[in-house]
Amino acid sequence: KSTFQLSSTILEQLDRLHLELQLELGKQDAPYKEVIVEEAIAKLLEVAAENRSDLVEALLARQSQRK
């Protein structure tokens, strides 16, 4: 397990998605936030394998916004 600093915008989007899924699927059946994040990371890694240069460009742009 790891701890990461995420932007408040991303956290708000995650919260919104989680709430929408709870409304759609019911609170008991909706995936945990951790599962949503894990799936997002898995998709990111798939993109990295398929189109690394575009991903690197996007990652560097996001990183420069943090400075």
PDB file of N, CA and C in Angstrom:
ATOM      1  N   LYS A   1       0.839  -1.179   0.000  1.00  0.00           N
ATOM      2  CA  LYS A   1       0.000   0.000   0.000  1.00  0.00           C
ATOM      3  C   LYS A   1       0.879   1.235   0.000  1.00  0.00           C
ATOM      4  N   SER A   2       0.391   2.248  -0.700  1.00  0.00           N
ATOM      5  CA  SER A   2       1.147   3.488  -0.832  1.00  0.00           C
ATOM      6  C   SER A   2       0.244   4.677  -0.557  1.00  0.00           C
ATOM      7  N   THR A   3       0.879   5.780  -0.247  1.00  0.00           N
ATOM      8  CA  THR A   3       0.161   7.030  -0.061  1.00  0.00           C
ATOM      9  C   THR A   3       0.653   8.005  -1.116  1.00  0.00           C
ATOM     10  N   PHE A   4      -0.286   8.674  -1.777  1.00  0.00           N
ATOM     11  CA  PHE A   4       0.056   9.627  -2.818  1.00  0.00           C
ATOM     12  C   PHE A   4      -0.664  10.938  -2.548  1.00  0.00           C
ATOM     13  N   GLN A   5      -0.038  12.022  -2.967  1.00  0.00           N
ATOM     14  CA  GLN A   5      -0.690  13.324  -2.893  1.00  0.00           C
ATOM     15  C   GLN A   5      -1.434  13.532  -4.205  1.00  0.00           C
ATOM     16  N   LEU A   6      -2.736  13.727  -4.125  1.00  0.00           N
ATOM     17  CA  LEU A   6      -3.552  13.939  -5.313  1.00  0.00           C
ATOM     18  C   LEU A   6      -4.160  15.331  -5.258  1.00  0.00           C
ATOM     19  N   SER A   7      -4.375  15.915  -6.421  1.00  0.00           N
ATOM     20  CA  SER A   7      -4.974  17.248  -6.454  1.00  0.00           C
ATOM     21  C   SER A   7      -6.417  17.181  -5.965  1.00  0.00           C
ATOM     22  N   SER A   8      -6.882  18.277  -5.428  1.00  0.00           N
ATOM     23  CA  SER A   8      -8.258  18.321  -4.919  1.00  0.00           C
ATOM     24  C   SER A   8      -9.263  18.108  -6.046  1.00  0.00           C
ATOM     25  N   THR A   9      -8.936  18.553  -7.250  1.00  0.00           N
ATOM     26  CA  THR A   9      -9.824  18.354  -8.395  1.00  0.00           C
ATOM     27  C   THR A   9     -10.003  16.875  -8.697  1.00  0.00           C
ATOM     28  N   ILE A  10      -8.906  16.133  -8.696  1.00  0.00           N
ATOM     29  CA  ILE A  10      -8.971  14.691  -8.952  1.00  0.00           C
ATOM     30  C   ILE A  10      -9.760  13.995  -7.848  1.00  0.00           C
ATOM     31  N   LEU A  11      -9.530  14.380  -6.607  1.00  0.00           N
ATOM     32  CA  LEU A  11     -10.261  13.776  -5.491  1.00  0.00           C
ATOM     33  C   LEU A  11     -11.757  14.062  -5.587  1.00  0.00           C
ATOM     34  N   GLU A  12     -12.110  15.271  -5.999  1.00  0.00           N
ATOM     35  CA  GLU A  12     -13.525  15.619  -6.177  1.00  0.00           C
ATOM     36  C   GLU A  12     -14.148  14.785  -7.290  1.00  0.00           C
ATOM     37  N   GLN A  13     -13.409  14.588  -8.386  1.00  0.00           N
ATOM     38  CA  GLN A  13     -13.916  13.767  -9.487  1.00  0.00           C
ATOM     39  C   GLN A  13     -14.089  12.317  -9.046  1.00  0.00           C
ATOM     40  N   LEU A  14     -13.157  11.818  -8.255  1.00  0.00           N
ATOM     41  CA  LEU A  14     -13.261  10.458  -7.729  1.00  0.00           C
ATOM     42  C   LEU A  14     -14.478  10.334  -6.817  1.00  0.00           C
ATOM     43  N   ASP A  15     -14.665  11.304  -5.935  1.00  0.00           N
ATOM     44  CA  ASP A  15     -15.829  11.291  -5.047  1.00  0.00           C
ATOM     45  C   ASP A  15     -17.129  11.310  -5.847  1.00  0.00           C
ATOM     46  N   ARG A  16     -17.174  12.149  -6.877  1.00  0.00           N
ATOM     47  CA  ARG A  16     -18.372  12.254  -7.711  1.00  0.00           C
ATOM     48  C   ARG A  16     -18.663  10.932  -8.415  1.00  0.00           C
ATOM     49  N   LEU A  17     -17.631  10.325  -9.002  1.00  0.00           N
ATOM     50  CA  LEU A  17     -17.811   9.037  -9.676  1.00  0.00           C
ATOM     51  C   LEU A  17     -18.292   7.985  -8.688  1.00  0.00           C
ATOM     52  N   HIS A  18     -17.683   7.957  -7.517  1.00  0.00           N
ATOM     53  CA  HIS A  18     -18.066   6.982  -6.499  1.00  0.00           C
ATOM     54  C   HIS A  18     -19.536   7.162  -6.100  1.00  0.00           C
ATOM     55  N   LEU A  19     -19.960   8.399  -5.893  1.00  0.00           N
ATOM     56  CA  LEU A  19     -21.355   8.666  -5.538  1.00  0.00           C
ATOM     57  C   LEU A  19     -22.306   8.288  -6.670  1.00  0.00           C
ATOM     58  N   GLU A  20     -21.912   8.590  -7.914  1.00  0.00           N
ATOM     59  CA  GLU A  20     -22.746   8.223  -9.064  1.00  0.00           C
ATOM     60  C   GLU A  20     -22.907   6.712  -9.156  1.00  0.00           C
ATOM     61  N   LEU A  21     -21.821   5.984  -8.930  1.00  0.00           N
ATOM     62  CA  LEU A  21     -21.897   4.525  -8.968  1.00  0.00           C
ATOM     63  C   LEU A  21     -22.767   3.985  -7.836  1.00  0.00           C
ATOM     64  N   GLN A  22     -22.703   4.621  -6.680  1.00  0.00           N
ATOM     65  CA  GLN A  22     -23.568   4.206  -5.572  1.00  0.00           C
ATOM     66  C   GLN A  22     -25.038   4.405  -5.923  1.00  0.00           C
ATOM     67  N   LEU A  23     -25.340   5.516  -6.605  1.00  0.00           N
ATOM     68  CA  LEU A  23     -26.721   5.768  -7.018  1.00  0.00           C
ATOM     69  C   LEU A  23     -27.169   4.776  -8.087  1.00  0.00           C
ATOM     70  N   GLU A  24     -26.287   4.488  -9.043  1.00  0.00           N
ATOM     71  CA  GLU A  24     -26.619   3.576 -10.140  1.00  0.00           C
ATOM     72  C   GLU A  24     -26.734   2.131  -9.681  1.00  0.00           C
ATOM     73  N   LEU A  25     -25.791   1.697  -8.859  1.00  0.00           N
ATOM     74  CA  LEU A  25     -25.683   0.279  -8.508  1.00  0.00           C
ATOM     75  C   LEU A  25     -26.217  -0.053  -7.117  1.00  0.00           C
ATOM     76  N   GLY A  26     -26.461   0.971  -6.332  1.00  0.00           N
ATOM     77  CA  GLY A  26     -26.819   0.758  -4.936  1.00  0.00           C
ATOM     78  C   GLY A  26     -25.558   0.798  -4.096  1.00  0.00           C
ATOM     79  N   LYS A  27     -25.700   1.320  -2.907  1.00  0.00           N
ATOM     80  CA  LYS A  27     -24.528   1.524  -2.052  1.00  0.00           C
ATOM     81  C   LYS A  27     -23.789   0.222  -1.766  1.00  0.00           C
ATOM     82  N   GLN A  28     -24.521  -0.868  -1.574  1.00  0.00           N
ATOM     83  CA  GLN A  28     -23.899  -2.159  -1.254  1.00  0.00           C
ATOM     84  C   GLN A  28     -23.090  -2.725  -2.418  1.00  0.00           C
ATOM     85  N   ASP A  29     -23.538  -2.459  -3.660  1.00  0.00           N
ATOM     86  CA  ASP A  29     -22.907  -3.072  -4.828  1.00  0.00           C
ATOM     87  C   ASP A  29     -21.866  -2.194  -5.510  1.00  0.00           C
ATOM     88  N   ALA A  30     -21.818  -0.926  -5.163  1.00  0.00           N
ATOM     89  CA  ALA A  30     -20.864  -0.017  -5.804  1.00  0.00           C
ATOM     90  C   ALA A  30     -19.439  -0.379  -5.398  1.00  0.00           C
ATOM     91  N   PRO A  31     -18.498  -0.275  -6.342  1.00  0.00           N
ATOM     92  CA  PRO A  31     -17.101  -0.578  -5.999  1.00  0.00           C
ATOM     93  C   PRO A  31     -16.538   0.466  -5.031  1.00  0.00           C
ATOM     94  N   TYR A  32     -15.609   0.004  -4.205  1.00  0.00           N
ATOM     95  CA  TYR A  32     -14.906   0.911  -3.300  1.00  0.00           C
ATOM     96  C   TYR A  32     -14.065   1.890  -4.112  1.00  0.00           C
ATOM     97  N   LYS A  33     -13.759   3.038  -3.517  1.00  0.00           N
ATOM     98  CA  LYS A  33     -12.898   4.016  -4.185  1.00  0.00           C
ATOM     99  C   LYS A  33     -11.553   3.394  -4.546  1.00  0.00           C
ATOM    100  N   GLU A  34     -11.034   2.545  -3.667  1.00  0.00           N
ATOM    101  CA  GLU A  34      -9.742   1.908  -3.925  1.00  0.00           C
ATOM    102  C   GLU A  34      -9.784   1.061  -5.193  1.00  0.00           C
ATOM    103  N   VAL A  35     -10.910   0.409  -5.437  1.00  0.00           N
ATOM    104  CA  VAL A  35     -11.064  -0.419  -6.634  1.00  0.00           C
ATOM    105  C   VAL A  35     -11.107   0.469  -7.879  1.00  0.00           C
ATOM    106  N   ILE A  36     -11.782   1.600  -7.774  1.00  0.00           N
ATOM    107  CA  ILE A  36     -11.844   2.543  -8.894  1.00  0.00           C
ATOM    108  C   ILE A  36     -10.445   3.051  -9.220  1.00  0.00           C
ATOM    109  N   VAL A  37      -9.688   3.425  -8.196  1.00  0.00           N
ATOM    110  CA  VAL A  37      -8.322   3.926  -8.395  1.00  0.00           C
ATOM    111  C   VAL A  37      -7.433   2.834  -8.979  1.00  0.00           C
ATOM    112  N   GLU A  38      -7.569   1.610  -8.479  1.00  0.00           N
ATOM    113  CA  GLU A  38      -6.763   0.501  -8.999  1.00  0.00           C
ATOM    114  C   GLU A  38      -7.048   0.261 -10.482  1.00  0.00           C
ATOM    115  N   GLU A  39      -8.321   0.326 -10.868  1.00  0.00           N
ATOM    116  CA  GLU A  39      -8.686   0.147 -12.278  1.00  0.00           C
ATOM    117  C   GLU A  39      -8.125   1.281 -13.132  1.00  0.00           C
ATOM    118  N   ALA A  40      -8.173   2.501 -12.611  1.00  0.00           N
ATOM    119  CA  ALA A  40      -7.627   3.645 -13.343  1.00  0.00           C
ATOM    120  C   ALA A  40      -6.125   3.483 -13.569  1.00  0.00           C
ATOM    121  N   ILE A  41      -5.422   3.007 -12.563  1.00  0.00           N
ATOM    122  CA  ILE A  41      -3.980   2.777 -12.702  1.00  0.00           C
ATOM    123  C   ILE A  41      -3.711   1.667 -13.708  1.00  0.00           C
ATOM    124  N   ALA A  42      -4.508   0.606 -13.671  1.00  0.00           N
ATOM    125  CA  ALA A  42      -4.348  -0.492 -14.632  1.00  0.00           C
ATOM    126  C   ALA A  42      -4.543   0.012 -16.059  1.00  0.00           C
ATOM    127  N   LYS A  43      -5.558   0.863 -16.267  1.00  0.00           N
ATOM    128  CA  LYS A  43      -5.801   1.434 -17.605  1.00  0.00           C
ATOM    129  C   LYS A  43      -4.633   2.325 -18.024  1.00  0.00           C
ATOM    130  N   LEU A  44      -4.104   3.106 -17.094  1.00  0.00           N
ATOM    131  CA  LEU A  44      -2.958   3.966 -17.381  1.00  0.00           C
ATOM    132  C   LEU A  44      -1.761   3.136 -17.832  1.00  0.00           C
ATOM    133  N   LEU A  45      -1.521   2.026 -17.160  1.00  0.00           N
ATOM    134  CA  LEU A  45      -0.395   1.161 -17.522  1.00  0.00           C
ATOM    135  C   LEU A  45      -0.604   0.515 -18.887  1.00  0.00           C
ATOM    136  N   GLU A  46      -1.849   0.212 -19.239  1.00  0.00           N
ATOM    137  CA  GLU A  46      -2.144  -0.304 -20.581  1.00  0.00           C
ATOM    138  C   GLU A  46      -1.826   0.749 -21.634  1.00  0.00           C
ATOM    139  N   VAL A  47      -2.217   1.989 -21.364  1.00  0.00           N
ATOM    140  CA  VAL A  47      -1.924   3.090 -22.291  1.00  0.00           C
ATOM    141  C   VAL A  47      -0.419   3.266 -22.426  1.00  0.00           C
ATOM    142  N   ALA A  48       0.296   3.145 -21.318  1.00  0.00           N
ATOM    143  CA  ALA A  48       1.757   3.283 -21.348  1.00  0.00           C
ATOM    144  C   ALA A  48       2.377   2.238 -22.256  1.00  0.00           C
ATOM    145  N   ALA A  49       1.826   1.051 -22.255  1.00  0.00           N
ATOM    146  CA  ALA A  49       2.360  -0.016 -23.100  1.00  0.00           C
ATOM    147  C   ALA A  49       2.038   0.230 -24.571  1.00  0.00           C
ATOM    148  N   GLU A  50       0.911   0.879 -24.847  1.00  0.00           N
ATOM    149  CA  GLU A  50       0.465   1.078 -26.228  1.00  0.00           C
ATOM    150  C   GLU A  50       0.978   2.373 -26.849  1.00  0.00           C
ATOM    151  N   ASN A  51       1.020   3.437 -26.079  1.00  0.00           N
ATOM    152  CA  ASN A  51       1.352   4.749 -26.640  1.00  0.00           C
ATOM    153  C   ASN A  51       2.145   5.558 -25.619  1.00  0.00           C
ATOM    154  N   ARG A  52       3.353   5.128 -25.405  1.00  0.00           N
ATOM    155  CA  ARG A  52       4.193   5.697 -24.358  1.00  0.00           C
ATOM    156  C   ARG A  52       4.492   7.178 -24.566  1.00  0.00           C
ATOM    157  N   SER A  53       4.763   7.599 -25.779  1.00  0.00           N
ATOM    158  CA  SER A  53       5.189   8.985 -26.003  1.00  0.00           C
ATOM    159  C   SER A  53       4.091   9.985 -25.647  1.00  0.00           C
ATOM    160  N   ASP A  54       2.847   9.716 -26.041  1.00  0.00           N
ATOM    161  CA  ASP A  54       1.752  10.621 -25.685  1.00  0.00           C
ATOM    162  C   ASP A  54       1.533  10.651 -24.179  1.00  0.00           C
ATOM    163  N   LEU A  55       1.644   9.498 -23.549  1.00  0.00           N
ATOM    164  CA  LEU A  55       1.463   9.433 -22.102  1.00  0.00           C
ATOM    165  C   LEU A  55       2.561  10.215 -21.385  1.00  0.00           C
ATOM    166  N   VAL A  56       3.795  10.040 -21.808  1.00  0.00           N
ATOM    167  CA  VAL A  56       4.911  10.760 -21.180  1.00  0.00           C
ATOM    168  C   VAL A  56       4.702  12.265 -21.322  1.00  0.00           C
ATOM    169  N   GLU A  57       4.262  12.694 -22.486  1.00  0.00           N
ATOM    170  CA  GLU A  57       4.000  14.117 -22.708  1.00  0.00           C
ATOM    171  C   GLU A  57       2.932  14.628 -21.736  1.00  0.00           C
ATOM    172  N   ALA A  58       1.857  13.875 -21.573  1.00  0.00           N
ATOM    173  CA  ALA A  58       0.785  14.267 -20.657  1.00  0.00           C
ATOM    174  C   ALA A  58       1.264  14.260 -19.208  1.00  0.00           C
ATOM    175  N   LEU A  59       2.058  13.270 -18.848  1.00  0.00           N
ATOM    176  CA  LEU A  59       2.569  13.186 -17.478  1.00  0.00           C
ATOM    177  C   LEU A  59       3.499  14.352 -17.160  1.00  0.00           C
ATOM    178  N   LEU A  60       4.357  14.689 -18.099  1.00  0.00           N
ATOM    179  CA  LEU A  60       5.269  15.817 -17.878  1.00  0.00           C
ATOM    180  C   LEU A  60       4.504  17.131 -17.760  1.00  0.00           C
ATOM    181  N   ALA A  61       3.458  17.287 -18.561  1.00  0.00           N
ATOM    182  CA  ALA A  61       2.632  18.495 -18.475  1.00  0.00           C
ATOM    183  C   ALA A  61       1.951  18.583 -17.112  1.00  0.00           C
ATOM    184  N   ARG A  62       1.423  17.461 -16.639  1.00  0.00           N
ATOM    185  CA  ARG A  62       0.763  17.453 -15.325  1.00  0.00           C
ATOM    186  C   ARG A  62       1.771  17.742 -14.217  1.00  0.00           C
ATOM    187  N   GLN A  63       2.958  17.167 -14.340  1.00  0.00           N
ATOM    188  CA  GLN A  63       3.986  17.386 -13.321  1.00  0.00           C
ATOM    189  C   GLN A  63       4.406  18.846 -13.270  1.00  0.00           C
ATOM    190  N   SER A  64       4.510  19.485 -14.433  1.00  0.00           N
ATOM    191  CA  SER A  64       4.920  20.895 -14.449  1.00  0.00           C
ATOM    192  C   SER A  64       3.874  21.786 -13.782  1.00  0.00           C
ATOM    193  N   GLN A  65       2.620  21.354 -13.768  1.00  0.00           N
ATOM    194  CA  GLN A  65       1.562  22.121 -13.097  1.00  0.00           C
ATOM    195  C   GLN A  65       1.711  22.068 -11.582  1.00  0.00           C
ATOM    196  N   ARG A  66       2.383  21.056 -11.078  1.00  0.00           N
ATOM    197  CA  ARG A  66       2.546  20.886  -9.627  1.00  0.00           C
ATOM    198  C   ARG A  66       3.645  21.780  -9.072  1.00  0.00           C
ATOM    199  N   LYS A  67       4.547  22.242  -9.912  1.00  0.00           N
ATOM    200  CA  LYS A  67       5.704  23.007  -9.430  1.00  0.00           C
ATOM    201  C   LYS A  67       5.345  24.435  -9.116  1.00  0.00           C
TER     202      LYS A  67
END
